[in-house]
């Protein structure tokens, strides 16, 4: 297992809710310049929402947890919408129990608050996963996933989000009304 003392030591700390210290493009370029090519490919595949194997059991565990979280959210949303015929969801791997966290998210009134709650949940999971990793590939995977969360939160704009939500809601309502006529 390779150590990346220089790579990790040269990176500024990422904090959720604060401006990211580096862009994703600059981080990836720096990582490519300082990492083994095989490890860099694992890093590139370590993105929220991806489900393909990364080549790293550590990164795959994190992405499996994210898949479980998304499945639980989908199940809760389907129940809330009370479909006559619920859509078929992929099977769960059953490795994580996230029902309580999803119930807490679903109880929030604001979509923005829900997104922040989910990002904090993801951040906490990353903190736990990375607790014993300091200068290895796993530390860089955790850093990259945290960077993605921080950059995502930078894009949150309440006014734009409300506007986008209202447009999407109007489109769904219109489609729903057309199908029930």
C-alpha atoms as a PDB file:
ATOM      1  CA  UNK A   1       0.000   0.000   0.000  1.00  0.00           C
ATOM      2  CA  UNK A   2       1.412   3.344  -1.047  1.00  0.00           C
ATOM      3  CA  UNK A   3       1.574   6.328   1.238  1.00  0.00           C
ATOM      4  CA  UNK A   4       0.881   9.824  -0.019  1.00  0.00           C
ATOM      5  CA  UNK A   5       2.538  11.954   2.636  1.00  0.00           C
ATOM      6  CA  UNK A   6       3.210  14.900   0.331  1.00  0.00           C
ATOM      7  CA  UNK A   7      -0.192  14.774  -1.384  1.00  0.00           C
ATOM      8  CA  UNK A   8      -2.222  14.712   1.821  1.00  0.00           C
ATOM      9  CA  UNK A   9       0.014  17.178   3.692  1.00  0.00           C
ATOM     10  CA  UNK A  10      -0.229  19.715   0.860  1.00  0.00           C
ATOM     11  CA  UNK A  11      -4.042  19.802   0.953  1.00  0.00           C
ATOM     12  CA  UNK A  12      -5.924  22.359   2.999  1.00  0.00           C
ATOM     13  CA  UNK A  13      -8.636  21.099   5.320  1.00  0.00           C
ATOM     14  CA  UNK A  14     -12.148  20.860   3.888  1.00  0.00           C
ATOM     15  CA  UNK A  15     -14.964  21.908   6.210  1.00  0.00           C
ATOM     16  CA  UNK A  16     -18.641  21.445   5.514  1.00  0.00           C
ATOM     17  CA  UNK A  17     -20.469  24.745   5.368  1.00  0.00           C
ATOM     18  CA  UNK A  18     -17.334  26.704   4.469  1.00  0.00           C
ATOM     19  CA  UNK A  19     -15.899  27.656   1.108  1.00  0.00           C
ATOM     20  CA  UNK A  20     -13.897  24.789  -0.334  1.00  0.00           C
ATOM     21  CA  UNK A  21     -10.145  25.452  -0.284  1.00  0.00           C
ATOM     22  CA  UNK A  22      -9.638  24.032  -3.798  1.00  0.00           C
ATOM     23  CA  UNK A  23     -11.716  23.394  -6.893  1.00  0.00           C
ATOM     24  CA  UNK A  24     -12.446  19.844  -7.924  1.00  0.00           C
ATOM     25  CA  UNK A  25     -10.470  20.316 -11.135  1.00  0.00           C
ATOM     26  CA  UNK A  26      -7.368  21.575  -9.312  1.00  0.00           C
ATOM     27  CA  UNK A  27      -7.615  18.806  -6.738  1.00  0.00           C
ATOM     28  CA  UNK A  28      -7.860  16.127  -9.422  1.00  0.00           C
ATOM     29  CA  UNK A  29      -4.949  17.600 -11.357  1.00  0.00           C
ATOM     30  CA  UNK A  30      -2.822  17.711  -8.201  1.00  0.00           C
ATOM     31  CA  UNK A  31      -3.828  14.143  -7.346  1.00  0.00           C
ATOM     32  CA  UNK A  32      -2.993  12.926 -10.833  1.00  0.00           C
ATOM     33  CA  UNK A  33       0.425  14.599 -10.634  1.00  0.00           C
ATOM     34  CA  UNK A  34       1.299  13.091  -7.250  1.00  0.00           C
ATOM     35  CA  UNK A  35      -0.409   9.682  -7.176  1.00  0.00           C
ATOM     36  CA  UNK A  36       0.181   6.257  -8.637  1.00  0.00           C
ATOM     37  CA  UNK A  37      -1.937   5.898 -11.833  1.00  0.00           C
ATOM     38  CA  UNK A  38      -3.925   2.907 -10.502  1.00  0.00           C
ATOM     39  CA  UNK A  39      -4.741   4.687  -7.235  1.00  0.00           C
ATOM     40  CA  UNK A  40      -5.695   7.818  -9.152  1.00  0.00           C
ATOM     41  CA  UNK A  41      -8.229   5.779 -11.160  1.00  0.00           C
ATOM     42  CA  UNK A  42      -9.773   4.577  -7.889  1.00  0.00           C
ATOM     43  CA  UNK A  43      -9.977   8.181  -6.743  1.00  0.00           C
ATOM     44  CA  UNK A  44     -11.712   9.235  -9.970  1.00  0.00           C
ATOM     45  CA  UNK A  45     -14.357   6.540  -9.471  1.00  0.00           C
ATOM     46  CA  UNK A  46     -15.022   7.713  -5.895  1.00  0.00           C
ATOM     47  CA  UNK A  47     -17.931  10.006  -6.606  1.00  0.00           C
ATOM     48  CA  UNK A  48     -21.227  10.330  -4.772  1.00  0.00           C
ATOM     49  CA  UNK A  49     -23.983   8.503  -6.613  1.00  0.00           C
ATOM     50  CA  UNK A  50     -21.771   6.142  -8.603  1.00  0.00           C
ATOM     51  CA  UNK A  51     -22.427   2.458  -8.073  1.00  0.00           C
ATOM     52  CA  UNK A  52     -19.723   0.830 -10.190  1.00  0.00           C
ATOM     53  CA  UNK A  53     -16.875  -0.837  -8.282  1.00  0.00           C
ATOM     54  CA  UNK A  54     -13.930   1.491  -7.761  1.00  0.00           C
ATOM     55  CA  UNK A  55     -11.224  -1.109  -7.285  1.00  0.00           C
ATOM     56  CA  UNK A  56     -10.990  -0.269  -3.587  1.00  0.00           C
ATOM     57  CA  UNK A  57     -13.021  -2.158  -0.957  1.00  0.00           C
ATOM     58  CA  UNK A  58     -12.819   0.958   1.241  1.00  0.00           C
ATOM     59  CA  UNK A  59     -14.289   3.304  -1.386  1.00  0.00           C
ATOM     60  CA  UNK A  60     -16.835   0.663  -2.391  1.00  0.00           C
ATOM     61  CA  UNK A  61     -18.077   0.470   1.232  1.00  0.00           C
ATOM     62  CA  UNK A  62     -18.678   4.213   1.262  1.00  0.00           C
ATOM     63  CA  UNK A  63     -20.507   4.134  -2.061  1.00  0.00           C
ATOM     64  CA  UNK A  64     -22.533   1.114  -0.897  1.00  0.00           C
ATOM     65  CA  UNK A  65     -23.605   3.108   2.170  1.00  0.00           C
ATOM     66  CA  UNK A  66     -24.666   5.975  -0.127  1.00  0.00           C
ATOM     67  CA  UNK A  67     -26.660   3.552  -2.283  1.00  0.00           C
ATOM     68  CA  UNK A  68     -28.441   2.292   0.846  1.00  0.00           C
ATOM     69  CA  UNK A  69     -29.211   5.853   1.891  1.00  0.00           C
ATOM     70  CA  UNK A  70     -30.687   6.655  -1.531  1.00  0.00           C
ATOM     71  CA  UNK A  71     -32.756   3.460  -1.545  1.00  0.00           C
ATOM     72  CA  UNK A  72     -34.179   4.234   1.894  1.00  0.00           C
ATOM     73  CA  UNK A  73     -35.000   7.781   0.770  1.00  0.00           C
ATOM     74  CA  UNK A  74     -36.718   6.437  -2.353  1.00  0.00           C
ATOM     75  CA  UNK A  75     -38.764   3.973  -0.274  1.00  0.00           C
ATOM     76  CA  UNK A  76     -39.844   6.730   2.116  1.00  0.00           C
ATOM     77  CA  UNK A  77     -40.784   9.068  -0.729  1.00  0.00           C
ATOM     78  CA  UNK A  78     -42.795   6.341  -2.471  1.00  0.00           C
ATOM     79  CA  UNK A  79     -44.708   5.647   0.751  1.00  0.00           C
ATOM     80  CA  UNK A  80     -45.366   9.348   1.196  1.00  0.00           C
ATOM     81  CA  UNK A  81     -46.739   9.653  -2.352  1.00  0.00           C
ATOM     82  CA  UNK A  82     -49.007   6.612  -1.839  1.00  0.00           C
ATOM     83  CA  UNK A  83     -48.748   5.173  -5.359  1.00  0.00           C
ATOM     84  CA  UNK A  84     -51.305   2.606  -6.499  1.00  0.00           C
ATOM     85  CA  UNK A  85     -48.445   0.645  -8.011  1.00  0.00           C
ATOM     86  CA  UNK A  86     -45.121   1.505  -6.446  1.00  0.00           C
ATOM     87  CA  UNK A  87     -42.113   1.661  -8.779  1.00  0.00           C
ATOM     88  CA  UNK A  88     -39.688  -1.230  -8.527  1.00  0.00           C
ATOM     89  CA  UNK A  89     -36.476  -0.315  -6.730  1.00  0.00           C
ATOM     90  CA  UNK A  90     -33.123  -2.089  -6.882  1.00  0.00           C
ATOM     91  CA  UNK A  91     -32.436  -4.602  -4.139  1.00  0.00           C
ATOM     92  CA  UNK A  92     -30.728  -3.444  -1.001  1.00  0.00           C
ATOM     93  CA  UNK A  93     -27.502  -5.111   0.041  1.00  0.00           C
ATOM     94  CA  UNK A  94     -28.722  -4.868   3.630  1.00  0.00           C
ATOM     95  CA  UNK A  95     -25.361  -3.832   5.063  1.00  0.00           C
ATOM     96  CA  UNK A  96     -26.596  -0.596   6.618  1.00  0.00           C
ATOM     97  CA  UNK A  97     -29.692   0.373   8.538  1.00  0.00           C
ATOM     98  CA  UNK A  98     -30.592   3.958   7.790  1.00  0.00           C
ATOM     99  CA  UNK A  99     -34.357   4.018   8.435  1.00  0.00           C
ATOM    100  CA  UNK A 100     -34.109   6.289  11.491  1.00  0.00           C
ATOM    101  CA  UNK A 101     -31.962   8.836   9.671  1.00  0.00           C
ATOM    102  CA  UNK A 102     -34.342   8.807   6.699  1.00  0.00           C
ATOM    103  CA  UNK A 103     -37.349   9.309   8.996  1.00  0.00           C
ATOM    104  CA  UNK A 104     -35.598  12.344  10.460  1.00  0.00           C
ATOM    105  CA  UNK A 105     -34.963  13.744   6.971  1.00  0.00           C
ATOM    106  CA  UNK A 106     -38.538  13.161   5.869  1.00  0.00           C
ATOM    107  CA  UNK A 107     -39.825  15.021   8.931  1.00  0.00           C
ATOM    108  CA  UNK A 108     -38.073  18.225   7.871  1.00  0.00           C
ATOM    109  CA  UNK A 109     -40.273  20.851   6.237  1.00  0.00           C
ATOM    110  CA  UNK A 110     -37.636  22.545   4.131  1.00  0.00           C
ATOM    111  CA  UNK A 111     -35.959  20.788   1.182  1.00  0.00           C
ATOM    112  CA  UNK A 112     -32.845  22.854   1.895  1.00  0.00           C
ATOM    113  CA  UNK A 113     -32.794  21.705   5.526  1.00  0.00           C
ATOM    114  CA  UNK A 114     -33.225  18.121   4.329  1.00  0.00           C
ATOM    115  CA  UNK A 115     -30.292  18.431   1.920  1.00  0.00           C
ATOM    116  CA  UNK A 116     -28.098  19.908   4.627  1.00  0.00           C
ATOM    117  CA  UNK A 117     -29.118  17.150   7.030  1.00  0.00           C
ATOM    118  CA  UNK A 118     -28.201  14.520   4.424  1.00  0.00           C
ATOM    119  CA  UNK A 119     -24.849  16.182   3.737  1.00  0.00           C
ATOM    120  CA  UNK A 120     -24.103  16.269   7.476  1.00  0.00           C
ATOM    121  CA  UNK A 121     -25.014  12.585   7.681  1.00  0.00           C
ATOM    122  CA  UNK A 122     -22.653  11.817   4.790  1.00  0.00           C
ATOM    123  CA  UNK A 123     -19.917  13.932   6.369  1.00  0.00           C
ATOM    124  CA  UNK A 124     -20.249  12.117   9.676  1.00  0.00           C
ATOM    125  CA  UNK A 125     -20.038   8.757   7.927  1.00  0.00           C
ATOM    126  CA  UNK A 126     -16.864   9.888   6.130  1.00  0.00           C
ATOM    127  CA  UNK A 127     -15.348  11.081   9.414  1.00  0.00           C
ATOM    128  CA  UNK A 128     -15.914   7.635  10.906  1.00  0.00           C
ATOM    129  CA  UNK A 129     -14.616   5.789   7.860  1.00  0.00           C
ATOM    130  CA  UNK A 130     -11.488   7.922   7.617  1.00  0.00           C
ATOM    131  CA  UNK A 131     -10.650   7.951  11.317  1.00  0.00           C
ATOM    132  CA  UNK A 132      -7.654   5.611  10.983  1.00  0.00           C
ATOM    133  CA  UNK A 133      -6.449   6.754   7.559  1.00  0.00           C
ATOM    134  CA  UNK A 134      -3.970   9.596   7.340  1.00  0.00           C
ATOM    135  CA  UNK A 135      -1.610   9.462   4.356  1.00  0.00           C
ATOM    136  CA  UNK A 136      -2.977   6.646   2.226  1.00  0.00           C
ATOM    137  CA  UNK A 137      -5.349   6.259  -0.708  1.00  0.00           C
ATOM    138  CA  UNK A 138      -8.263   5.923   1.698  1.00  0.00           C
ATOM    139  CA  UNK A 139      -7.491   9.342   3.210  1.00  0.00           C
ATOM    140  CA  UNK A 140      -7.536  10.835  -0.277  1.00  0.00           C
ATOM    141  CA  UNK A 141     -10.835   9.126  -1.112  1.00  0.00           C
ATOM    142  CA  UNK A 142     -12.373  10.592   2.048  1.00  0.00           C
ATOM    143  CA  UNK A 143     -10.914  14.018   1.213  1.00  0.00           C
ATOM    144  CA  UNK A 144     -12.309  13.905  -2.320  1.00  0.00           C
ATOM    145  CA  UNK A 145     -15.792  12.888  -1.154  1.00  0.00           C
ATOM    146  CA  UNK A 146     -15.745  15.642   1.483  1.00  0.00           C
ATOM    147  CA  UNK A 147     -14.632  18.130  -1.151  1.00  0.00           C
ATOM    148  CA  UNK A 148     -17.568  17.108  -3.325  1.00  0.00           C
ATOM    149  CA  UNK A 149     -19.957  17.741  -0.420  1.00  0.00           C
ATOM    150  CA  UNK A 150     -18.440  21.145   0.366  1.00  0.00           C
ATOM    151  CA  UNK A 151     -18.576  22.222  -3.275  1.00  0.00           C
ATOM    152  CA  UNK A 152     -22.167  21.015  -3.528  1.00  0.00           C
ATOM    153  CA  UNK A 153     -23.202  23.063  -0.508  1.00  0.00           C
ATOM    154  CA  UNK A 154     -21.566  26.154  -1.989  1.00  0.00           C
ATOM    155  CA  UNK A 155     -24.154  25.957  -4.780  1.00  0.00           C
ATOM    156  CA  UNK A 156     -27.123  26.089  -2.412  1.00  0.00           C
ATOM    157  CA  UNK A 157     -29.011  29.331  -2.956  1.00  0.00           C
ATOM    158  CA  UNK A 158     -32.328  29.529  -1.148  1.00  0.00           C
ATOM    159  CA  UNK A 159     -33.998  31.842  -3.684  1.00  0.00           C
ATOM    160  CA  UNK A 160     -32.866  29.806  -6.691  1.00  0.00           C
ATOM    161  CA  UNK A 161     -33.786  26.581  -4.952  1.00  0.00           C
ATOM    162  CA  UNK A 162     -37.275  27.803  -4.147  1.00  0.00           C
ATOM    163  CA  UNK A 163     -37.735  28.971  -7.727  1.00  0.00           C
ATOM    164  CA  UNK A 164     -36.496  25.652  -9.112  1.00  0.00           C
ATOM    165  CA  UNK A 165     -38.680  23.696  -6.688  1.00  0.00           C
ATOM    166  CA  UNK A 166     -41.790  25.687  -7.628  1.00  0.00           C
ATOM    167  CA  UNK A 167     -41.169  25.103 -11.355  1.00  0.00           C
ATOM    168  CA  UNK A 168     -40.633  21.377 -10.827  1.00  0.00           C
ATOM    169  CA  UNK A 169     -43.664  21.124  -8.555  1.00  0.00           C
ATOM    170  CA  UNK A 170     -45.846  22.963 -11.091  1.00  0.00           C
ATOM    171  CA  UNK A 171     -44.684  20.609 -13.868  1.00  0.00           C
ATOM    172  CA  UNK A 172     -45.397  17.508 -11.780  1.00  0.00           C
ATOM    173  CA  UNK A 173     -48.805  18.862 -10.708  1.00  0.00           C
ATOM    174  CA  UNK A 174     -49.696  19.649 -14.310  1.00  0.00           C
ATOM    175  CA  UNK A 175     -48.687  16.161 -15.460  1.00  0.00           C
ATOM    176  CA  UNK A 176     -50.573  14.583 -12.570  1.00  0.00           C
ATOM    177  CA  UNK A 177     -53.724  16.591 -13.340  1.00  0.00           C
ATOM    178  CA  UNK A 178     -53.514  15.617 -17.018  1.00  0.00           C
ATOM    179  CA  UNK A 179     -53.251  11.911 -16.210  1.00  0.00           C
ATOM    180  CA  UNK A 180     -56.192  11.960 -13.796  1.00  0.00           C
ATOM    181  CA  UNK A 181     -58.594  13.639 -16.241  1.00  0.00           C
END
